[in-house]
Amino acid sequence: MSHVAAAQQTARILFVDDDANILAAADNLLRALGKQVTIARTRAEALAELGGGKYDVLMTDLTMPECSGWDLARQSKARFPDKPVVLVTGWGLTLDADETKMRLVNGILSKPFTLDELQRALNDAAK
């Protein structure tokens, strides 16, 4: 299966962020890409959605008041090791060797993001 085909099968996105503006933008852009979107603003909402497992990709903000994107990535990978995780950050983060080795995250998306950048992050996560 090609990477494009794999990314196109990635239809259900769980997007976690404490910023309502980012959630609204992500929701609109992901829907424009034909994705089903579930959003979560709090740790409790995110954990409830993670537990259900009804997502293909977790996209989570790195820095939130109640939890970090790393915490959510760990919990997602513990339950569903094959589901990709994309960290969304305004901090210009890159993945170092240890993080890649641990396979907690499959990609990084920098804020603010465009439709093309969002699509690229999903394609990369599906690899």
C-alpha atoms as a PDB file:
ATOM      1  CA  MET A   1       0.000   0.000   0.000  1.00  0.00           C
ATOM      2  CA  SER A   2       1.335   3.409  -0.889  1.00  0.00           C
ATOM      3  CA  HIS A   3       1.827   6.083   1.758  1.00  0.00           C
ATOM      4  CA  VAL A   4      -0.901   8.179   0.138  1.00  0.00           C
ATOM      5  CA  ALA A   5      -3.359   5.284   0.313  1.00  0.00           C
ATOM      6  CA  ALA A   6      -2.416   4.670   3.952  1.00  0.00           C
ATOM      7  CA  ALA A   7      -2.951   8.332   4.797  1.00  0.00           C
ATOM      8  CA  GLN A   8      -6.297   8.349   3.021  1.00  0.00           C
ATOM      9  CA  GLN A   9      -7.436   5.419   5.158  1.00  0.00           C
ATOM     10  CA  THR A  10      -6.599   7.500   8.205  1.00  0.00           C
ATOM     11  CA  ALA A  11     -10.074   8.907   8.544  1.00  0.00           C
ATOM     12  CA  ARG A  12     -10.623   9.405  12.287  1.00  0.00           C
ATOM     13  CA  ILE A  13      -8.541  12.026  14.032  1.00  0.00           C
ATOM     14  CA  LEU A  14      -8.527  12.712  17.767  1.00  0.00           C
ATOM     15  CA  PHE A  15      -7.238  16.279  18.165  1.00  0.00           C
ATOM     16  CA  VAL A  16      -6.381  17.459  21.686  1.00  0.00           C
ATOM     17  CA  ASP A  17      -5.607  21.089  22.528  1.00  0.00           C
ATOM     18  CA  ASP A  18      -6.582  23.469  25.323  1.00  0.00           C
ATOM     19  CA  ASP A  19      -6.898  26.408  22.884  1.00  0.00           C
ATOM     20  CA  ALA A  20     -10.395  26.719  21.400  1.00  0.00           C
ATOM     21  CA  ASN A  21      -9.075  28.663  18.388  1.00  0.00           C
ATOM     22  CA  ILE A  22      -6.578  25.924  17.502  1.00  0.00           C
ATOM     23  CA  LEU A  23      -9.294  23.282  17.917  1.00  0.00           C
ATOM     24  CA  ALA A  24     -11.656  25.182  15.638  1.00  0.00           C
ATOM     25  CA  ALA A  25      -8.960  25.645  12.986  1.00  0.00           C
ATOM     26  CA  ALA A  26      -7.887  21.999  13.170  1.00  0.00           C
ATOM     27  CA  ASP A  27     -11.495  20.807  13.037  1.00  0.00           C
ATOM     28  CA  ASN A  28     -12.212  22.909   9.930  1.00  0.00           C
ATOM     29  CA  LEU A  29      -9.000  21.956   8.133  1.00  0.00           C
ATOM     30  CA  LEU A  30      -9.250  18.250   8.928  1.00  0.00           C
ATOM     31  CA  ARG A  31     -12.869  18.144   7.787  1.00  0.00           C
ATOM     32  CA  ALA A  32     -11.792  19.909   4.579  1.00  0.00           C
ATOM     33  CA  LEU A  33      -9.414  16.961   4.100  1.00  0.00           C
ATOM     34  CA  GLY A  34     -12.346  14.568   4.493  1.00  0.00           C
ATOM     35  CA  LYS A  35     -11.438  13.394   7.991  1.00  0.00           C
ATOM     36  CA  GLN A  36     -13.753  12.612  10.890  1.00  0.00           C
ATOM     37  CA  VAL A  37     -12.669  14.722  13.841  1.00  0.00           C
ATOM     38  CA  THR A  38     -13.121  14.311  17.561  1.00  0.00           C
ATOM     39  CA  ILE A  39     -11.816  17.165  19.662  1.00  0.00           C
ATOM     40  CA  ALA A  40     -10.852  17.230  23.318  1.00  0.00           C
ATOM     41  CA  ARG A  41      -9.933  20.308  25.376  1.00  0.00           C
ATOM     42  CA  THR A  42      -9.156  18.716  28.726  1.00  0.00           C
ATOM     43  CA  ARG A  43      -7.172  15.792  30.063  1.00  0.00           C
ATOM     44  CA  ALA A  44     -10.394  14.050  31.115  1.00  0.00           C
ATOM     45  CA  GLU A  45     -11.935  14.431  27.646  1.00  0.00           C
ATOM     46  CA  ALA A  46      -8.737  13.221  26.002  1.00  0.00           C
ATOM     47  CA  LEU A  47      -8.463  10.157  28.252  1.00  0.00           C
ATOM     48  CA  ALA A  48     -12.109   9.253  27.670  1.00  0.00           C
ATOM     49  CA  GLU A  49     -11.578   9.369  23.915  1.00  0.00           C
ATOM     50  CA  LEU A  50      -8.246   7.521  24.131  1.00  0.00           C
ATOM     51  CA  GLY A  51      -9.856   4.746  26.132  1.00  0.00           C
ATOM     52  CA  GLY A  52     -12.513   4.223  23.496  1.00  0.00           C
ATOM     53  CA  GLY A  53      -9.897   3.805  20.803  1.00  0.00           C
ATOM     54  CA  LYS A  54     -12.185   5.197  18.111  1.00  0.00           C
ATOM     55  CA  TYR A  55      -9.455   7.138  16.329  1.00  0.00           C
ATOM     56  CA  ASP A  56      -6.815   6.375  13.728  1.00  0.00           C
ATOM     57  CA  VAL A  57      -4.379   9.170  14.628  1.00  0.00           C
ATOM     58  CA  LEU A  58      -3.902  11.134  17.841  1.00  0.00           C
ATOM     59  CA  MET A  59      -2.845  14.741  17.282  1.00  0.00           C
ATOM     60  CA  THR A  60      -2.087  16.425  20.587  1.00  0.00           C
ATOM     61  CA  ASP A  61      -0.783  19.744  21.776  1.00  0.00           C
ATOM     62  CA  LEU A  62       2.553  19.387  23.529  1.00  0.00           C
ATOM     63  CA  THR A  63       1.926  21.866  26.349  1.00  0.00           C
ATOM     64  CA  MET A  64      -1.402  21.995  28.182  1.00  0.00           C
ATOM     65  CA  PRO A  65      -2.295  22.949  31.764  1.00  0.00           C
ATOM     66  CA  GLU A  66      -3.489  19.512  32.929  1.00  0.00           C
ATOM     67  CA  CYS A  67      -1.194  17.195  30.988  1.00  0.00           C
ATOM     68  CA  SER A  68       1.433  17.117  28.286  1.00  0.00           C
ATOM     69  CA  GLY A  69       1.289  15.728  24.808  1.00  0.00           C
ATOM     70  CA  TRP A  70       4.009  13.280  25.847  1.00  0.00           C
ATOM     71  CA  ASP A  71       1.724  11.882  28.571  1.00  0.00           C
ATOM     72  CA  LEU A  72      -1.118  11.386  26.101  1.00  0.00           C
ATOM     73  CA  ALA A  73       1.277   9.864  23.546  1.00  0.00           C
ATOM     74  CA  ARG A  74       2.487   7.351  26.157  1.00  0.00           C
ATOM     75  CA  GLN A  75      -1.054   6.399  27.077  1.00  0.00           C
ATOM     76  CA  SER A  76      -2.135   6.042  23.463  1.00  0.00           C
ATOM     77  CA  LYS A  77       0.896   3.912  22.530  1.00  0.00           C
ATOM     78  CA  ALA A  78       0.455   1.731  25.638  1.00  0.00           C
ATOM     79  CA  ARG A  79      -3.080   0.856  24.553  1.00  0.00           C
ATOM     80  CA  PHE A  80      -2.750   1.050  20.784  1.00  0.00           C
ATOM     81  CA  PRO A  81       0.922   0.783  19.775  1.00  0.00           C
ATOM     82  CA  ASP A  82       0.184   0.907  16.045  1.00  0.00           C
ATOM     83  CA  LYS A  83      -1.847   4.139  16.120  1.00  0.00           C
ATOM     84  CA  PRO A  84       0.263   7.116  15.038  1.00  0.00           C
ATOM     85  CA  VAL A  85       0.722  10.124  17.322  1.00  0.00           C
ATOM     86  CA  VAL A  86       1.525  13.627  16.087  1.00  0.00           C
ATOM     87  CA  LEU A  87       2.673  16.284  18.566  1.00  0.00           C
ATOM     88  CA  VAL A  88       1.363  19.765  17.798  1.00  0.00           C
ATOM     89  CA  THR A  89       3.538  22.556  19.148  1.00  0.00           C
ATOM     90  CA  GLY A  90       4.363  26.198  18.847  1.00  0.00           C
ATOM     91  CA  TRP A  91       7.841  25.602  20.261  1.00  0.00           C
ATOM     92  CA  GLY A  92       9.665  24.560  17.088  1.00  0.00           C
ATOM     93  CA  LEU A  93      10.290  21.086  18.480  1.00  0.00           C
ATOM     94  CA  THR A  94      12.177  18.406  16.607  1.00  0.00           C
ATOM     95  CA  LEU A  95      12.386  14.738  17.473  1.00  0.00           C
ATOM     96  CA  ASP A  96      15.656  13.541  18.912  1.00  0.00           C
ATOM     97  CA  ALA A  97      16.994  10.002  18.660  1.00  0.00           C
ATOM     98  CA  ASP A  98      15.716   8.904  22.081  1.00  0.00           C
ATOM     99  CA  GLU A  99      12.158  10.017  21.351  1.00  0.00           C
ATOM    100  CA  THR A 100      12.217   8.377  17.934  1.00  0.00           C
ATOM    101  CA  LYS A 101      13.626   5.200  19.459  1.00  0.00           C
ATOM    102  CA  MET A 102      10.866   5.096  22.054  1.00  0.00           C
ATOM    103  CA  ARG A 103       8.396   5.434  19.169  1.00  0.00           C
ATOM    104  CA  LEU A 104       6.066   7.569  21.216  1.00  0.00           C
ATOM    105  CA  VAL A 105       5.448  10.020  18.418  1.00  0.00           C
ATOM    106  CA  ASN A 106       5.357   9.633  14.681  1.00  0.00           C
ATOM    107  CA  GLY A 107       5.578  13.287  13.758  1.00  0.00           C
ATOM    108  CA  ILE A 108       5.552  16.942  14.722  1.00  0.00           C
ATOM    109  CA  LEU A 109       3.193  19.660  13.496  1.00  0.00           C
ATOM    110  CA  SER A 110       4.191  23.256  14.219  1.00  0.00           C
ATOM    111  CA  LYS A 111       1.665  25.958  15.050  1.00  0.00           C
ATOM    112  CA  PRO A 112       0.305  27.832  13.293  1.00  0.00           C
ATOM    113  CA  PHE A 113      -0.286  25.249  10.576  1.00  0.00           C
ATOM    114  CA  THR A 114      -1.713  25.318   7.080  1.00  0.00           C
ATOM    115  CA  LEU A 115      -3.877  22.784   5.300  1.00  0.00           C
ATOM    116  CA  ASP A 116      -0.832  21.503   3.401  1.00  0.00           C
ATOM    117  CA  GLU A 117       1.230  21.159   6.597  1.00  0.00           C
ATOM    118  CA  LEU A 118      -1.608  19.280   8.278  1.00  0.00           C
ATOM    119  CA  GLN A 119      -1.905  16.902   5.317  1.00  0.00           C
ATOM    120  CA  ARG A 120       1.868  16.381   5.293  1.00  0.00           C
ATOM    121  CA  ALA A 121       1.881  15.535   9.035  1.00  0.00           C
ATOM    122  CA  LEU A 122      -0.865  12.960   8.477  1.00  0.00           C
ATOM    123  CA  ASN A 123       0.982  11.466   5.517  1.00  0.00           C
ATOM    124  CA  ASP A 124       4.216  11.262   7.534  1.00  0.00           C
ATOM    125  CA  ALA A 125       2.424   9.679  10.491  1.00  0.00           C
ATOM    126  CA  ALA A 126       0.957   6.988   8.240  1.00  0.00           C
ATOM    127  CA  LYS A 127       4.419   5.834   7.082  1.00  0.00           C
END
